[in-house]
Amino acid sequence: MDHAADLTDLSALGGFFVLRTGEAPGRPLPTLAEAYAARDADVEKEVYANPVIFRVRKVADSVRAPEPRVAASIAHLGLAARLWSVALGTAALHDRVPDLDPRLLRWDPDASAPDDLRLTGVRMLPADRIGEVVREAHLVPLAAALCSQLPVSPRLLWGNAASALMGAVRQIDRWAAVHGRAEAAARARRLAAAQFAHPDLAGTLDPATHRRRSCCLYYRLPGGGLCGDCCFDRPPDRTRPSGRTGDTR
């Protein structure tokens, strides 16, 4: 069976849902397993020696982030959104998820947004394994990699993960309403609800409004404002001290 065919229609849902298959042309890209494991490499001399830190620095330069934790949060949010979108989009359309084993999923940390992902071996799993595929295989080691190297709060990162998941649900809802695919939207919402009940994500969003209870720090960028699901009603004073490593905002 050609499982890769189940991934070809994801582009209809939007750019964050696209998943390429096979090896990229040219230089081999690092796997996400390699990216999560890398520590203390010389990023300046070896472009992909520490892909996570390389990505954070690229984002920092692109958005003129005033401090490392802001760039780390934005970089994390982008990759989390890609992973949730690919998995939830496939589940919504086909009632199964691709096995996104970090050893098989290659990532170009030097690409523009949305993050460039390539799956080198395709097999499908039952849709209800989405938490194992995304949260356990990726978001846990990604958070560990960031928190061990940069002053960023785990609570902020899980808020990002929740926001990214809800963003994927909303996009699938919009697509389903236009294309008469109510069953796809219902499947996405059911699977997402199960993830929000997990201890890592429980309490990250307000259950009534779906606004997050932590901030991604986007407001700290030059000209940055508030995201649609921000916990703040107005941007805090950006001139105040940035806080300590454990600052959860």
Protein backbone atom coordinates (compact mmCIF):
# COMPACT_ATOMS: atom_id res chain seq x y z
CA MET A 1 0.00 0.00 0.00
CA ASP A 2 1.30 3.47 -0.88
CA HIS A 3 1.01 5.21 2.49
CA ALA A 4 2.72 8.31 1.09
CA ALA A 5 -0.44 8.94 -0.94
CA ASP A 6 -2.24 9.77 2.31
CA LEU A 7 0.08 12.73 2.75
CA THR A 8 -0.35 14.30 -0.66
CA ASP A 9 -3.69 15.97 0.08
CA LEU A 10 -2.49 17.69 3.27
CA SER A 11 -1.44 20.77 1.30
CA ALA A 12 -5.13 21.62 0.86
CA LEU A 13 -5.26 22.39 4.58
CA GLY A 14 -2.44 24.95 4.42
CA GLY A 15 1.33 25.26 4.40
CA PHE A 16 1.82 24.07 7.97
CA PHE A 17 0.21 20.72 7.10
CA VAL A 18 2.54 19.79 4.22
CA LEU A 19 4.86 16.83 4.74
CA ARG A 20 7.42 15.95 2.08
CA THR A 21 8.74 12.43 1.79
CA GLY A 22 12.14 11.05 0.80
CA GLU A 23 15.58 12.55 1.15
CA ALA A 24 16.18 16.20 0.30
CA PRO A 25 18.41 16.90 -2.69
CA GLY A 26 21.95 18.02 -1.88
CA ARG A 27 23.41 17.86 1.58
CA PRO A 28 21.68 15.40 3.96
CA LEU A 29 19.61 17.24 6.53
CA PRO A 30 19.84 16.35 10.24
CA THR A 31 17.14 14.19 11.73
CA LEU A 32 15.08 15.60 14.55
CA ALA A 33 16.52 12.86 16.77
CA GLU A 34 19.97 14.32 16.12
CA ALA A 35 18.67 17.84 16.70
CA TYR A 36 17.15 16.98 20.08
CA ALA A 37 20.30 15.19 21.26
CA ALA A 38 22.84 17.87 20.24
CA ARG A 39 24.49 19.87 23.01
CA ASP A 40 27.42 22.30 23.27
CA ALA A 41 28.39 22.13 19.59
CA ASP A 42 30.15 24.98 17.81
CA VAL A 43 27.20 26.41 15.92
CA GLU A 44 29.32 29.11 14.31
CA LYS A 45 31.66 26.66 12.56
CA GLU A 46 29.31 23.74 11.87
CA VAL A 47 25.96 24.83 10.48
CA TYR A 48 24.01 21.75 11.59
CA ALA A 49 26.13 20.77 14.59
CA ASN A 50 23.37 21.88 16.96
CA PRO A 51 20.23 22.34 14.82
CA VAL A 52 17.96 23.52 17.64
CA ILE A 53 20.30 26.34 18.69
CA PHE A 54 21.03 27.16 15.05
CA ARG A 55 17.28 27.57 14.46
CA VAL A 56 16.83 29.76 17.51
CA ARG A 57 19.66 32.03 16.36
CA LYS A 58 18.20 32.21 12.85
CA VAL A 59 14.81 33.20 14.26
CA ALA A 60 16.45 35.74 16.57
CA ASP A 61 18.15 37.43 13.64
CA SER A 62 14.99 37.32 11.51
CA VAL A 63 12.63 38.89 14.07
CA ARG A 64 15.24 40.98 15.94
CA ALA A 65 14.47 39.21 19.21
CA PRO A 66 15.71 41.23 22.20
CA GLU A 67 16.60 38.16 24.30
CA PRO A 68 17.26 34.43 23.69
CA ARG A 69 14.11 33.14 25.38
CA VAL A 70 11.92 35.13 22.99
CA ALA A 71 13.58 33.60 19.94
CA ALA A 72 13.49 30.16 21.58
CA SER A 73 9.75 30.46 22.17
CA ILE A 74 8.99 31.57 18.61
CA ALA A 75 11.20 28.86 17.11
CA HIS A 76 9.55 26.25 19.33
CA LEU A 77 6.05 27.42 18.47
CA GLY A 78 6.78 27.12 14.74
CA LEU A 79 8.06 23.56 14.95
CA ALA A 80 5.30 22.46 17.34
CA ALA A 81 2.71 23.86 14.94
CA ARG A 82 4.22 21.90 12.04
CA LEU A 83 4.26 18.62 13.96
CA TRP A 84 0.72 18.91 15.31
CA SER A 85 -0.61 20.06 11.93
CA VAL A 86 0.90 17.16 9.98
CA ALA A 87 -0.33 14.56 12.46
CA LEU A 88 -3.77 16.03 13.15
CA GLY A 89 -4.39 16.85 9.50
CA THR A 90 -3.66 13.28 8.42
CA ALA A 91 -5.84 11.96 11.23
CA ALA A 92 -8.72 14.26 10.30
CA LEU A 93 -8.64 13.25 6.64
CA HIS A 94 -7.69 9.57 6.91
CA ASP A 95 -8.29 8.46 10.51
CA ARG A 96 -4.63 7.53 10.98
CA VAL A 97 -1.37 9.32 11.63
CA PRO A 98 2.06 9.02 10.04
CA ASP A 99 4.76 7.57 12.24
CA LEU A 100 6.88 10.67 12.78
CA ASP A 101 9.80 8.81 14.33
CA PRO A 102 12.43 11.53 14.99
CA ARG A 103 15.07 9.23 13.47
CA LEU A 104 13.18 9.26 10.16
CA LEU A 105 12.05 12.89 10.14
CA ARG A 106 14.60 15.27 8.64
CA TRP A 107 14.49 18.99 9.37
CA ASP A 108 16.15 21.96 7.74
CA PRO A 109 16.79 24.48 10.53
CA ASP A 110 18.04 26.99 7.97
CA ALA A 111 14.79 27.06 5.98
CA SER A 112 12.21 29.82 6.11
CA ALA A 113 8.90 29.38 7.93
CA PRO A 114 7.02 27.10 8.05
CA ASP A 115 9.69 24.61 9.10
CA ASP A 116 10.82 22.25 6.35
CA LEU A 117 10.20 18.58 7.28
CA ARG A 118 10.90 15.42 5.27
CA LEU A 119 9.84 11.93 6.29
CA THR A 120 12.25 9.34 4.90
CA GLY A 121 10.12 6.29 5.64
CA VAL A 122 6.33 6.29 5.63
CA ARG A 123 4.10 4.03 7.67
CA MET A 124 0.73 4.76 9.21
CA LEU A 125 -0.48 4.25 12.76
CA PRO A 126 -3.95 4.36 14.39
CA ALA A 127 -5.13 7.94 14.86
CA ASP A 128 -5.39 7.61 18.63
CA ARG A 129 -1.60 7.27 18.84
CA ILE A 130 -1.20 10.95 17.96
CA GLY A 131 0.02 11.80 21.46
CA GLU A 132 2.77 9.23 21.22
CA VAL A 133 3.68 10.44 17.74
CA VAL A 134 3.90 14.16 18.54
CA ARG A 135 3.96 14.86 22.26
CA GLU A 136 6.13 11.98 23.45
CA ALA A 137 8.41 11.58 20.43
CA HIS A 138 8.98 15.27 19.76
CA LEU A 139 7.66 17.85 22.20
CA VAL A 140 9.16 16.24 25.30
CA PRO A 141 12.73 15.98 23.89
CA LEU A 142 12.44 19.35 22.15
CA ALA A 143 11.51 21.04 25.42
CA ALA A 144 14.38 19.26 27.15
CA ALA A 145 16.83 20.45 24.49
CA LEU A 146 15.70 24.06 24.76
CA CYS A 147 15.46 24.23 28.54
CA SER A 148 18.90 22.68 29.02
CA GLN A 149 20.57 25.29 26.80
CA LEU A 150 18.50 28.47 27.04
CA PRO A 151 16.64 30.42 29.76
CA VAL A 152 13.14 29.38 28.71
CA SER A 153 10.31 28.12 30.90
CA PRO A 154 8.84 24.62 30.41
CA ARG A 155 5.40 26.05 31.22
CA LEU A 156 5.76 28.56 28.39
CA LEU A 157 6.75 25.75 25.97
CA TRP A 158 3.75 23.60 26.89
CA GLY A 159 1.57 26.66 26.43
CA ASN A 160 3.07 26.96 22.96
CA ALA A 161 2.32 23.31 22.28
CA ALA A 162 -1.29 23.76 23.33
CA SER A 163 -1.69 26.92 21.27
CA ALA A 164 -0.20 25.16 18.23
CA LEU A 165 -2.57 22.21 18.62
CA MET A 166 -5.61 24.47 18.94
CA GLY A 167 -4.44 26.43 15.91
CA ALA A 168 -4.39 23.21 13.87
CA VAL A 169 -7.90 22.36 15.07
CA ARG A 170 -9.20 25.78 14.03
CA GLN A 171 -7.65 25.52 10.57
CA ILE A 172 -9.15 22.06 10.04
CA ASP A 173 -12.51 23.41 11.22
CA ARG A 174 -12.38 26.20 8.64
CA TRP A 175 -11.38 23.84 5.83
CA ALA A 176 -14.03 21.29 6.79
CA ALA A 177 -16.79 23.91 6.85
CA VAL A 178 -15.94 25.04 3.31
CA HIS A 179 -15.61 21.49 1.90
CA GLY A 180 -18.47 19.78 3.70
CA ARG A 181 -16.23 17.51 5.78
CA ALA A 182 -17.89 17.72 9.18
CA GLU A 183 -16.59 14.27 10.11
CA ALA A 184 -12.99 15.43 9.60
CA ALA A 185 -13.48 18.39 11.93
CA ALA A 186 -15.18 16.19 14.54
CA ARG A 187 -12.33 13.68 14.42
CA ALA A 188 -9.74 16.43 14.85
CA ARG A 189 -11.57 17.91 17.82
CA ARG A 190 -11.98 14.52 19.49
CA LEU A 191 -8.29 13.70 19.15
CA ALA A 192 -7.23 17.16 20.31
CA ALA A 193 -9.50 16.95 23.37
CA ALA A 194 -7.73 13.77 24.42
CA GLN A 195 -4.38 15.56 24.18
CA PHE A 196 -5.57 18.51 26.23
CA ALA A 197 -6.49 16.07 28.99
CA HIS A 198 -2.89 14.86 29.25
CA PRO A 199 -0.95 16.26 32.25
CA ASP A 200 1.58 18.01 29.99
CA LEU A 201 -1.18 20.06 28.33
CA ALA A 202 -3.95 20.09 30.94
CA GLY A 203 -4.62 23.62 32.18
CA THR A 204 -2.56 25.31 29.47
CA LEU A 205 -5.67 26.84 27.87
CA ASP A 206 -8.79 28.36 29.39
CA PRO A 207 -11.50 25.73 28.76
CA ALA A 208 -14.16 28.32 27.91
CA THR A 209 -12.22 30.75 25.72
CA HIS A 210 -9.27 28.58 24.63
CA ARG A 211 -6.98 31.47 25.50
CA ARG A 212 -3.64 30.30 26.79
CA ARG A 213 -2.52 30.77 30.38
CA SER A 214 1.07 31.59 29.49
CA CYS A 215 2.51 33.98 26.93
CA CYS A 216 4.70 33.13 23.93
CA LEU A 217 6.53 36.48 24.42
CA TYR A 218 5.76 37.73 20.91
CA TYR A 219 4.85 41.10 22.41
CA ARG A 220 8.51 41.59 23.36
CA LEU A 221 9.58 41.83 19.71
CA PRO A 222 10.08 45.26 18.14
CA GLY A 223 6.59 46.22 17.00
CA GLY A 224 5.15 43.00 18.44
CA GLY A 225 1.60 42.90 19.76
CA LEU A 226 -0.60 40.21 21.25
CA CYS A 227 -1.54 36.90 19.65
CA GLY A 228 -5.21 36.05 19.28
CA ASP A 229 -5.12 33.59 22.16
CA CYS A 230 -2.81 35.58 24.45
CA CYS A 231 -3.30 35.49 28.20
CA PHE A 232 -2.88 39.27 28.33
CA ASP A 233 -5.54 41.83 27.43
CA ARG A 234 -2.89 44.45 26.62
CA PRO A 235 0.86 44.19 26.04
CA PRO A 236 2.87 44.40 29.28
CA ASP A 237 5.56 47.02 29.67
CA ARG A 238 8.49 45.83 27.54
CA THR A 239 10.92 47.99 29.47
CA ARG A 240 10.64 45.93 32.63
CA PRO A 241 13.38 43.36 33.47
CA SER A 242 13.10 40.16 31.45
CA GLY A 243 12.89 37.89 34.48
CA ARG A 244 14.71 34.78 35.55
CA THR A 245 15.00 31.40 33.86
CA GLY A 246 11.83 30.22 35.56
CA ASP A 247 9.71 33.14 34.36
CA THR A 248 6.64 31.43 32.93
CA ARG A 249 5.32 34.22 30.81
